[in-house]
Full PDB file with SEQRES, HELIX, SHEET, SSBOND, CRYST1, ORIGX, SCALE, CONECT and MASTER records, all heavy atoms in Angstrom:
SEQRES   1 A   36  ARG GLN ALA PRO GLY LYS GLN ARG GLU LEU VAL ALA ALA          
SEQRES   2 A   36  ILE SER SER GLY GLY GLY THR ASN TYR ALA GLY SER VAL          
SEQRES   3 A   36  LYS GLY ARG PHE THR ILE SER ARG ASP SER                      
SHEET    1 AA1 2 ALA A  12  ILE A  14  0                                        
SHEET    2 AA1 2 THR A  20  TYR A  22 -1                                        
CRYST1    1.000    1.000    1.000  90.00  90.00  90.00 P 1           1          
ORIGX1      1.000000  0.000000  0.000000        0.00000                         
ORIGX2      0.000000  1.000000  0.000000        0.00000                         
ORIGX3      0.000000  0.000000  1.000000        0.00000                         
SCALE1      1.000000  0.000000  0.000000        0.00000                         
SCALE2      0.000000  1.000000  0.000000        0.00000                         
SCALE3      0.000000  0.000000  1.000000        0.00000                         
ATOM      1  N   ARG A   1      -5.116  -4.864   3.151  1.00  0.00           N  
ATOM      2  CA  ARG A   1      -5.219  -6.307   3.306  1.00  0.00           C  
ATOM      3  C   ARG A   1      -5.763  -6.697   4.693  1.00  0.00           C  
ATOM      4  O   ARG A   1      -5.577  -5.942   5.677  1.00  0.00           O  
ATOM      5  CB  ARG A   1      -3.832  -6.972   3.039  1.00  0.00           C  
ATOM      6  CG  ARG A   1      -2.798  -6.716   4.121  1.00  0.00           C  
ATOM      7  CD  ARG A   1      -1.423  -7.293   3.657  1.00  0.00           C  
ATOM      8  NE  ARG A   1      -0.441  -7.106   4.692  1.00  0.00           N  
ATOM      9  CZ  ARG A   1       0.882  -7.370   4.468  1.00  0.00           C  
ATOM     10  NH1 ARG A   1       1.278  -7.883   3.308  1.00  0.00           N  
ATOM     11  NH2 ARG A   1       1.783  -7.151   5.494  1.00  0.00           N  
ATOM     12  N   GLN A   2      -6.324  -7.888   4.764  1.00  0.00           N  
ATOM     13  CA  GLN A   2      -6.893  -8.372   6.006  1.00  0.00           C  
ATOM     14  C   GLN A   2      -6.735  -9.882   6.058  1.00  0.00           C  
ATOM     15  O   GLN A   2      -7.155 -10.586   5.178  1.00  0.00           O  
ATOM     16  CB  GLN A   2      -8.395  -7.970   6.147  1.00  0.00           C  
ATOM     17  CG  GLN A   2      -8.890  -8.380   7.522  1.00  0.00           C  
ATOM     18  CD  GLN A   2     -10.286  -7.723   7.767  1.00  0.00           C  
ATOM     19  OE1 GLN A   2     -11.012  -7.456   6.857  1.00  0.00           O  
ATOM     20  NE2 GLN A   2     -10.555  -7.444   9.055  1.00  0.00           N  
ATOM     21  N   ALA A   3      -6.001 -10.345   7.082  1.00  0.00           N  
ATOM     22  CA  ALA A   3      -5.867 -11.722   7.382  1.00  0.00           C  
ATOM     23  C   ALA A   3      -6.908 -12.150   8.374  1.00  0.00           C  
ATOM     24  O   ALA A   3      -7.378 -11.332   9.165  1.00  0.00           O  
ATOM     25  CB  ALA A   3      -4.474 -12.071   7.846  1.00  0.00           C  
ATOM     26  N   PRO A   4      -7.322 -13.473   8.453  1.00  0.00           N  
ATOM     27  CA  PRO A   4      -8.297 -13.887   9.424  1.00  0.00           C  
ATOM     28  C   PRO A   4      -7.908 -13.525  10.863  1.00  0.00           C  
ATOM     29  O   PRO A   4      -6.784 -13.760  11.299  1.00  0.00           O  
ATOM     30  CB  PRO A   4      -8.353 -15.378   9.190  1.00  0.00           C  
ATOM     31  CG  PRO A   4      -7.971 -15.596   7.799  1.00  0.00           C  
ATOM     32  CD  PRO A   4      -6.901 -14.563   7.578  1.00  0.00           C  
ATOM     33  N   GLY A   5      -8.851 -12.975  11.598  1.00  0.00           N  
ATOM     34  CA  GLY A   5      -8.586 -12.628  13.000  1.00  0.00           C  
ATOM     35  C   GLY A   5      -7.793 -11.362  13.213  1.00  0.00           C  
ATOM     36  O   GLY A   5      -7.456 -11.038  14.346  1.00  0.00           O  
ATOM     37  N   LYS A   6      -7.424 -10.675  12.117  1.00  0.00           N  
ATOM     38  CA  LYS A   6      -6.588  -9.513  12.261  1.00  0.00           C  
ATOM     39  C   LYS A   6      -7.290  -8.277  11.693  1.00  0.00           C  
ATOM     40  O   LYS A   6      -8.284  -8.420  10.900  1.00  0.00           O  
ATOM     41  CB  LYS A   6      -5.226  -9.679  11.505  1.00  0.00           C  
ATOM     42  CG  LYS A   6      -4.357 -10.751  12.083  1.00  0.00           C  
ATOM     43  CD  LYS A   6      -3.050 -10.767  11.358  1.00  0.00           C  
ATOM     44  CE  LYS A   6      -2.108 -11.826  11.952  1.00  0.00           C  
ATOM     45  NZ  LYS A   6      -0.777 -11.864  11.283  1.00  0.00           N  
ATOM     46  N   GLN A   7      -6.870  -7.105  12.080  1.00  0.00           N  
ATOM     47  CA  GLN A   7      -7.425  -5.831  11.647  1.00  0.00           C  
ATOM     48  C   GLN A   7      -6.998  -5.595  10.201  1.00  0.00           C  
ATOM     49  O   GLN A   7      -5.865  -6.004   9.732  1.00  0.00           O  
ATOM     50  CB  GLN A   7      -6.959  -4.674  12.507  1.00  0.00           C  
ATOM     51  CG  GLN A   7      -7.480  -4.692  13.900  1.00  0.00           C  
ATOM     52  CD  GLN A   7      -8.956  -4.273  13.940  1.00  0.00           C  
ATOM     53  OE1 GLN A   7      -9.862  -5.109  13.893  1.00  0.00           O  
ATOM     54  NE2 GLN A   7      -9.178  -2.998  14.054  1.00  0.00           N  
ATOM     55  N   ARG A   8      -7.869  -4.927   9.434  1.00  0.00           N  
ATOM     56  CA  ARG A   8      -7.488  -4.480   8.116  1.00  0.00           C  
ATOM     57  C   ARG A   8      -6.374  -3.399   8.208  1.00  0.00           C  
ATOM     58  O   ARG A   8      -6.426  -2.557   9.098  1.00  0.00           O  
ATOM     59  CB  ARG A   8      -8.726  -3.849   7.395  1.00  0.00           C  
ATOM     60  CG  ARG A   8      -8.498  -3.438   5.994  1.00  0.00           C  
ATOM     61  CD  ARG A   8      -9.787  -2.849   5.391  1.00  0.00           C  
ATOM     62  NE  ARG A   8     -10.178  -1.653   6.155  1.00  0.00           N  
ATOM     63  CZ  ARG A   8     -11.411  -1.144   6.177  1.00  0.00           C  
ATOM     64  NH1 ARG A   8     -12.355  -1.779   5.531  1.00  0.00           N  
ATOM     65  NH2 ARG A   8     -11.672  -0.055   6.907  1.00  0.00           N  
ATOM     66  N   GLU A   9      -5.426  -3.530   7.314  1.00  0.00           N  
ATOM     67  CA  GLU A   9      -4.330  -2.511   7.362  1.00  0.00           C  
ATOM     68  C   GLU A   9      -4.038  -1.982   5.970  1.00  0.00           C  
ATOM     69  O   GLU A   9      -4.210  -2.667   4.944  1.00  0.00           O  
ATOM     70  CB  GLU A   9      -3.001  -3.231   7.868  1.00  0.00           C  
ATOM     71  CG  GLU A   9      -2.434  -4.328   7.019  1.00  0.00           C  
ATOM     72  CD  GLU A   9      -1.121  -4.825   7.501  1.00  0.00           C  
ATOM     73  OE1 GLU A   9      -0.365  -4.067   8.130  1.00  0.00           O  
ATOM     74  OE2 GLU A   9      -0.768  -6.002   7.187  1.00  0.00           O  
ATOM     75  N   LEU A  10      -3.608  -0.743   5.962  1.00  0.00           N  
ATOM     76  CA  LEU A  10      -3.218  -0.103   4.689  1.00  0.00           C  
ATOM     77  C   LEU A  10      -1.826  -0.637   4.311  1.00  0.00           C  
ATOM     78  O   LEU A  10      -0.903  -0.530   5.094  1.00  0.00           O  
ATOM     79  CB  LEU A  10      -3.189   1.474   4.897  1.00  0.00           C  
ATOM     80  CG  LEU A  10      -2.676   2.225   3.650  1.00  0.00           C  
ATOM     81  CD1 LEU A  10      -3.701   2.115   2.496  1.00  0.00           C  
ATOM     82  CD2 LEU A  10      -2.569   3.747   4.026  1.00  0.00           C  
ATOM     83  N   VAL A  11      -1.739  -1.117   3.076  1.00  0.00           N  
ATOM     84  CA  VAL A  11      -0.524  -1.629   2.536  1.00  0.00           C  
ATOM     85  C   VAL A  11       0.241  -0.601   1.730  1.00  0.00           C  
ATOM     86  O   VAL A  11       1.460  -0.412   1.922  1.00  0.00           O  
ATOM     87  CB  VAL A  11      -0.757  -2.856   1.668  1.00  0.00           C  
ATOM     88  CG1 VAL A  11       0.532  -3.346   0.990  1.00  0.00           C  
ATOM     89  CG2 VAL A  11      -1.445  -3.973   2.496  1.00  0.00           C  
ATOM     90  N   ALA A  12      -0.454   0.126   0.886  1.00  0.00           N  
ATOM     91  CA  ALA A  12       0.140   1.133   0.020  1.00  0.00           C  
ATOM     92  C   ALA A  12      -0.905   2.091  -0.430  1.00  0.00           C  
ATOM     93  O   ALA A  12      -2.086   1.792  -0.556  1.00  0.00           O  
ATOM     94  CB  ALA A  12       0.860   0.431  -1.203  1.00  0.00           C  
ATOM     95  N   ALA A  13      -0.475   3.336  -0.730  1.00  0.00           N  
ATOM     96  CA  ALA A  13      -1.398   4.349  -1.243  1.00  0.00           C  
ATOM     97  C   ALA A  13      -0.661   5.216  -2.328  1.00  0.00           C  
ATOM     98  O   ALA A  13       0.551   5.349  -2.257  1.00  0.00           O  
ATOM     99  CB  ALA A  13      -1.960   5.243  -0.180  1.00  0.00           C  
ATOM    100  N   ILE A  14      -1.454   5.683  -3.254  1.00  0.00           N  
ATOM    101  CA  ILE A  14      -0.888   6.545  -4.271  1.00  0.00           C  
ATOM    102  C   ILE A  14      -1.842   7.740  -4.487  1.00  0.00           C  
ATOM    103  O   ILE A  14      -3.062   7.553  -4.649  1.00  0.00           O  
ATOM    104  CB  ILE A  14      -0.653   5.739  -5.636  1.00  0.00           C  
ATOM    105  CG1 ILE A  14       0.066   6.623  -6.675  1.00  0.00           C  
ATOM    106  CG2 ILE A  14      -1.925   5.142  -6.153  1.00  0.00           C  
ATOM    107  CD1 ILE A  14       0.614   5.825  -7.822  1.00  0.00           C  
ATOM    108  N   SER A  15      -1.256   8.918  -4.544  1.00  0.00           N  
ATOM    109  CA  SER A  15      -2.101  10.152  -4.687  1.00  0.00           C  
ATOM    110  C   SER A  15      -2.332  10.394  -6.184  1.00  0.00           C  
ATOM    111  O   SER A  15      -1.791   9.789  -7.101  1.00  0.00           O  
ATOM    112  CB  SER A  15      -1.310  11.312  -4.043  1.00  0.00           C  
ATOM    113  OG  SER A  15      -0.205  11.715  -4.809  1.00  0.00           O  
ATOM    114  N   SER A  16      -3.213  11.368  -6.423  1.00  0.00           N  
ATOM    115  CA  SER A  16      -3.468  11.779  -7.781  1.00  0.00           C  
ATOM    116  C   SER A  16      -2.241  12.281  -8.545  1.00  0.00           C  
ATOM    117  O   SER A  16      -2.189  12.166  -9.788  1.00  0.00           O  
ATOM    118  CB  SER A  16      -4.582  12.874  -7.861  1.00  0.00           C  
ATOM    119  OG  SER A  16      -4.177  14.047  -7.166  1.00  0.00           O  
ATOM    120  N   GLY A  17      -1.290  12.843  -7.786  1.00  0.00           N  
ATOM    121  CA  GLY A  17      -0.043  13.329  -8.403  1.00  0.00           C  
ATOM    122  C   GLY A  17       1.013  12.234  -8.470  1.00  0.00           C  
ATOM    123  O   GLY A  17       2.121  12.573  -9.009  1.00  0.00           O  
ATOM    124  N   GLY A  18       0.745  11.028  -8.019  1.00  0.00           N  
ATOM    125  CA  GLY A  18       1.739   9.976  -8.102  1.00  0.00           C  
ATOM    126  C   GLY A  18       2.550   9.749  -6.879  1.00  0.00           C  
ATOM    127  O   GLY A  18       3.413   8.817  -6.890  1.00  0.00           O  
ATOM    128  N   GLY A  19       2.370  10.516  -5.835  1.00  0.00           N  
ATOM    129  CA  GLY A  19       3.101  10.252  -4.590  1.00  0.00           C  
ATOM    130  C   GLY A  19       2.669   9.006  -3.959  1.00  0.00           C  
ATOM    131  O   GLY A  19       1.474   8.640  -3.997  1.00  0.00           O  
ATOM    132  N   THR A  20       3.565   8.275  -3.294  1.00  0.00           N  
ATOM    133  CA  THR A  20       3.249   7.005  -2.700  1.00  0.00           C  
ATOM    134  C   THR A  20       3.671   6.883  -1.260  1.00  0.00           C  
ATOM    135  O   THR A  20       4.568   7.655  -0.800  1.00  0.00           O  
ATOM    136  CB  THR A  20       3.946   5.829  -3.494  1.00  0.00           C  
ATOM    137  OG1 THR A  20       5.368   6.003  -3.447  1.00  0.00           O  
ATOM    138  CG2 THR A  20       3.480   5.812  -4.945  1.00  0.00           C  
ATOM    139  N   ASN A  21       3.034   6.033  -0.510  1.00  0.00           N  
ATOM    140  CA  ASN A  21       3.514   5.606   0.769  1.00  0.00           C  
ATOM    141  C   ASN A  21       3.190   4.164   1.011  1.00  0.00           C  
ATOM    142  O   ASN A  21       2.252   3.606   0.386  1.00  0.00           O  
ATOM    143  CB  ASN A  21       2.985   6.489   1.897  1.00  0.00           C  
ATOM    144  CG  ASN A  21       1.410   6.418   2.070  1.00  0.00           C  
ATOM    145  OD1 ASN A  21       0.893   5.449   2.600  1.00  0.00           O  
ATOM    146  ND2 ASN A  21       0.770   7.462   1.569  1.00  0.00           N  
ATOM    147  N   TYR A  22       3.961   3.496   1.891  1.00  0.00           N  
ATOM    148  CA  TYR A  22       3.854   2.051   2.108  1.00  0.00           C  
ATOM    149  C   TYR A  22       3.929   1.735   3.558  1.00  0.00           C  
ATOM    150  O   TYR A  22       4.557   2.402   4.383  1.00  0.00           O  
ATOM    151  CB  TYR A  22       5.040   1.315   1.392  1.00  0.00           C  
ATOM    152  CG  TYR A  22       5.051   1.514  -0.066  1.00  0.00           C  
ATOM    153  CD1 TYR A  22       5.778   2.555  -0.674  1.00  0.00           C  
ATOM    154  CD2 TYR A  22       4.374   0.627  -0.957  1.00  0.00           C  
ATOM    155  CE1 TYR A  22       5.801   2.743  -2.045  1.00  0.00           C  
ATOM    156  CE2 TYR A  22       4.452   0.783  -2.288  1.00  0.00           C  
ATOM    157  CZ  TYR A  22       5.134   1.867  -2.904  1.00  0.00           C  
ATOM    158  OH  TYR A  22       5.169   1.997  -4.237  1.00  0.00           O  
ATOM    159  N   ALA A  23       3.257   0.640   3.911  1.00  0.00           N  
ATOM    160  CA  ALA A  23       3.507   0.072   5.226  1.00  0.00           C  
ATOM    161  C   ALA A  23       4.919  -0.352   5.405  1.00  0.00           C  
ATOM    162  O   ALA A  23       5.580  -0.831   4.442  1.00  0.00           O  
ATOM    163  CB  ALA A  23       2.525  -1.117   5.485  1.00  0.00           C  
ATOM    164  N   GLY A  24       5.506  -0.227   6.599  1.00  0.00           N  
ATOM    165  CA  GLY A  24       6.872  -0.586   6.747  1.00  0.00           C  
ATOM    166  C   GLY A  24       7.180  -2.037   6.463  1.00  0.00           C  
ATOM    167  O   GLY A  24       8.288  -2.370   5.982  1.00  0.00           O  
ATOM    168  N   SER A  25       6.194  -2.934   6.634  1.00  0.00           N  
ATOM    169  CA  SER A  25       6.443  -4.341   6.430  1.00  0.00           C  
ATOM    170  C   SER A  25       6.542  -4.656   4.958  1.00  0.00           C  
ATOM    171  O   SER A  25       7.031  -5.792   4.664  1.00  0.00           O  
ATOM    172  CB  SER A  25       5.260  -5.179   7.005  1.00  0.00           C  
ATOM    173  OG  SER A  25       4.019  -4.748   6.469  1.00  0.00           O  
ATOM    174  N   VAL A  26       6.163  -3.793   4.039  1.00  0.00           N  
ATOM    175  CA  VAL A  26       6.249  -4.109   2.624  1.00  0.00           C  
ATOM    176  C   VAL A  26       7.136  -3.238   1.851  1.00  0.00           C  
ATOM    177  O   VAL A  26       7.413  -3.389   0.661  1.00  0.00           O  
ATOM    178  CB  VAL A  26       4.861  -4.053   1.937  1.00  0.00           C  
ATOM    179  CG1 VAL A  26       3.869  -4.987   2.714  1.00  0.00           C  
ATOM    180  CG2 VAL A  26       4.324  -2.662   1.821  1.00  0.00           C  
ATOM    181  N   LYS A  27       7.762  -2.199   2.519  1.00  0.00           N  
ATOM    182  CA  LYS A  27       8.665  -1.259   1.796  1.00  0.00           C  
ATOM    183  C   LYS A  27       9.883  -2.005   1.203  1.00  0.00           C  
ATOM    184  O   LYS A  27      10.417  -2.933   1.864  1.00  0.00           O  
ATOM    185  CB  LYS A  27       9.195  -0.174   2.761  1.00  0.00           C  
ATOM    186  CG  LYS A  27       8.224   0.895   3.035  1.00  0.00           C  
ATOM    187  CD  LYS A  27       8.882   1.956   3.919  1.00  0.00           C  
ATOM    188  CE  LYS A  27       7.879   3.107   4.247  1.00  0.00           C  
ATOM    189  NZ  LYS A  27       8.529   4.172   5.087  1.00  0.00           N  
ATOM    190  N   GLY A  28      10.108  -1.718  -0.038  1.00  0.00           N  
ATOM    191  CA  GLY A  28      11.209  -2.368  -0.767  1.00  0.00           C  
ATOM    192  C   GLY A  28      10.800  -3.660  -1.441  1.00  0.00           C  
ATOM    193  O   GLY A  28      11.576  -4.192  -2.222  1.00  0.00           O  
ATOM    194  N   ARG A  29       9.553  -4.091  -1.198  1.00  0.00           N  
ATOM    195  CA  ARG A  29       9.071  -5.326  -1.803  1.00  0.00           C  
ATOM    196  C   ARG A  29       7.859  -5.078  -2.693  1.00  0.00           C  
ATOM    197  O   ARG A  29       7.671  -5.750  -3.744  1.00  0.00           O  
ATOM    198  CB  ARG A  29       8.736  -6.416  -0.745  1.00  0.00           C  
ATOM    199  CG  ARG A  29       9.891  -6.791   0.118  1.00  0.00           C  
ATOM    200  CD  ARG A  29       9.527  -8.036   0.976  1.00  0.00           C  
ATOM    201  NE  ARG A  29       8.460  -7.686   1.902  1.00  0.00           N  
ATOM    202  CZ  ARG A  29       7.276  -8.307   1.919  1.00  0.00           C  
ATOM    203  NH1 ARG A  29       7.066  -9.299   1.074  1.00  0.00           N  
ATOM    204  NH2 ARG A  29       6.353  -7.991   2.835  1.00  0.00           N  
ATOM    205  N   PHE A  30       7.001  -4.121  -2.288  1.00  0.00           N  
ATOM    206  CA  PHE A  30       5.746  -3.848  -3.083  1.00  0.00           C  
ATOM    207  C   PHE A  30       5.864  -2.505  -3.771  1.00  0.00           C  
ATOM    208  O   PHE A  30       6.518  -1.582  -3.236  1.00  0.00           O  
ATOM    209  CB  PHE A  30       4.537  -3.837  -2.109  1.00  0.00           C  
ATOM    210  CG  PHE A  30       4.124  -5.146  -1.529  1.00  0.00           C  
ATOM    211  CD1 PHE A  30       4.917  -6.284  -1.625  1.00  0.00           C  
ATOM    212  CD2 PHE A  30       2.920  -5.272  -0.841  1.00  0.00           C  
ATOM    213  CE1 PHE A  30       4.503  -7.469  -1.061  1.00  0.00           C  
ATOM    214  CE2 PHE A  30       2.485  -6.431  -0.317  1.00  0.00           C  
ATOM    215  CZ  PHE A  30       3.287  -7.602  -0.385  1.00  0.00           C  
ATOM    216  N   THR A  31       5.210  -2.385  -4.848  1.00  0.00           N  
ATOM    217  CA  THR A  31       5.183  -1.141  -5.612  1.00  0.00           C  
ATOM    218  C   THR A  31       3.759  -0.850  -6.063  1.00  0.00           C  
ATOM    219  O   THR A  31       3.156  -1.703  -6.760  1.00  0.00           O  
ATOM    220  CB  THR A  31       6.103  -1.120  -6.833  1.00  0.00           C  
ATOM    221  OG1 THR A  31       7.447  -1.450  -6.394  1.00  0.00           O  
ATOM    222  CG2 THR A  31       6.132   0.278  -7.519  1.00  0.00           C  
ATOM    223  N   ILE A  32       3.196   0.285  -5.721  1.00  0.00           N  
ATOM    224  CA  ILE A  32       1.872   0.708  -6.186  1.00  0.00           C  
ATOM    225  C   ILE A  32       2.050   1.682  -7.396  1.00  0.00           C  
ATOM    226  O   ILE A  32       2.970   2.521  -7.362  1.00  0.00           O  
ATOM    227  CB  ILE A  32       1.075   1.401  -5.077  1.00  0.00           C  
ATOM    228  CG1 ILE A  32      -0.378   1.597  -5.511  1.00  0.00           C  
ATOM    229  CG2 ILE A  32       1.688   2.682  -4.558  1.00  0.00           C  
ATOM    230  CD1 ILE A  32      -1.342   2.034  -4.396  1.00  0.00           C  
ATOM    231  N   SER A  33       1.183   1.547  -8.403  1.00  0.00           N  
ATOM    232  CA  SER A  33       1.245   2.392  -9.513  1.00  0.00           C  
ATOM    233  C   SER A  33      -0.163   2.598 -10.084  1.00  0.00           C  
ATOM    234  O   SER A  33      -1.094   1.922  -9.649  1.00  0.00           O  
ATOM    235  CB  SER A  33       2.171   1.806 -10.616  1.00  0.00           C  
ATOM    236  OG  SER A  33       1.721   0.573 -11.062  1.00  0.00           O  
ATOM    237  N   ARG A  34      -0.326   3.524 -11.043  1.00  0.00           N  
ATOM    238  CA  ARG A  34      -1.635   3.734 -11.677  1.00  0.00           C  
ATOM    239  C   ARG A  34      -1.509   4.090 -13.117  1.00  0.00           C  
ATOM    240  O   ARG A  34      -0.496   4.605 -13.553  1.00  0.00           O  
ATOM    241  CB  ARG A  34      -2.412   4.821 -10.894  1.00  0.00           C  
ATOM    242  CG  ARG A  34      -1.774   6.197 -10.919  1.00  0.00           C  
ATOM    243  CD  ARG A  34      -2.388   7.107  -9.820  1.00  0.00           C  
ATOM    244  NE  ARG A  34      -3.828   7.163  -9.927  1.00  0.00           N  
ATOM    245  CZ  ARG A  34      -4.634   7.648  -8.959  1.00  0.00           C  
ATOM    246  NH1 ARG A  34      -4.125   8.066  -7.790  1.00  0.00           N  
ATOM    247  NH2 ARG A  34      -5.947   7.642  -9.126  1.00  0.00           N  
ATOM    248  N   ASP A  35      -2.525   3.748 -13.897  1.00  0.00           N  
ATOM    249  CA  ASP A  35      -2.616   3.979 -15.300  1.00  0.00           C  
ATOM    250  C   ASP A  35      -3.931   4.758 -15.497  1.00  0.00           C  
ATOM    251  O   ASP A  35      -5.001   4.156 -15.518  1.00  0.00           O  
ATOM    252  CB  ASP A  35      -2.559   2.706 -16.095  1.00  0.00           C  
ATOM    253  CG  ASP A  35      -2.519   2.955 -17.565  1.00  0.00           C  
ATOM    254  OD1 ASP A  35      -2.983   4.023 -18.065  1.00  0.00           O  
ATOM    255  OD2 ASP A  35      -2.027   2.099 -18.301  1.00  0.00           O  
ATOM    256  N   SER A  36      -3.839   6.084 -15.617  1.00  0.00           N  
ATOM    257  CA  SER A  36      -5.075   6.901 -15.733  1.00  0.00           C  
ATOM    258  C   SER A  36      -5.845   6.573 -16.984  1.00  0.00           C  
ATOM    259  O   SER A  36      -7.077   6.586 -16.933  1.00  0.00           O  
ATOM    260  CB  SER A  36      -4.660   8.378 -15.735  1.00  0.00           C  
ATOM    261  OG  SER A  36      -4.131   8.720 -14.466  1.00  0.00           O  
TER     262      SER A  36                                                      
MASTER        0    0    0    0    2    0    0    6  261    1    0    3          
END                                                                             
C-alpha cells in the first residue's frame, strides 16, 4: 500500500506453500489468502 507522500510498504505476503507474513500494523486485522 502507498499513501500520498509516503513510501510504499509491504502489508502482507503469502508463499507458494501458504506461509504468510504481515506488517506489524495490520497483524490480527488483515488476512492474506490464495485460490490456486
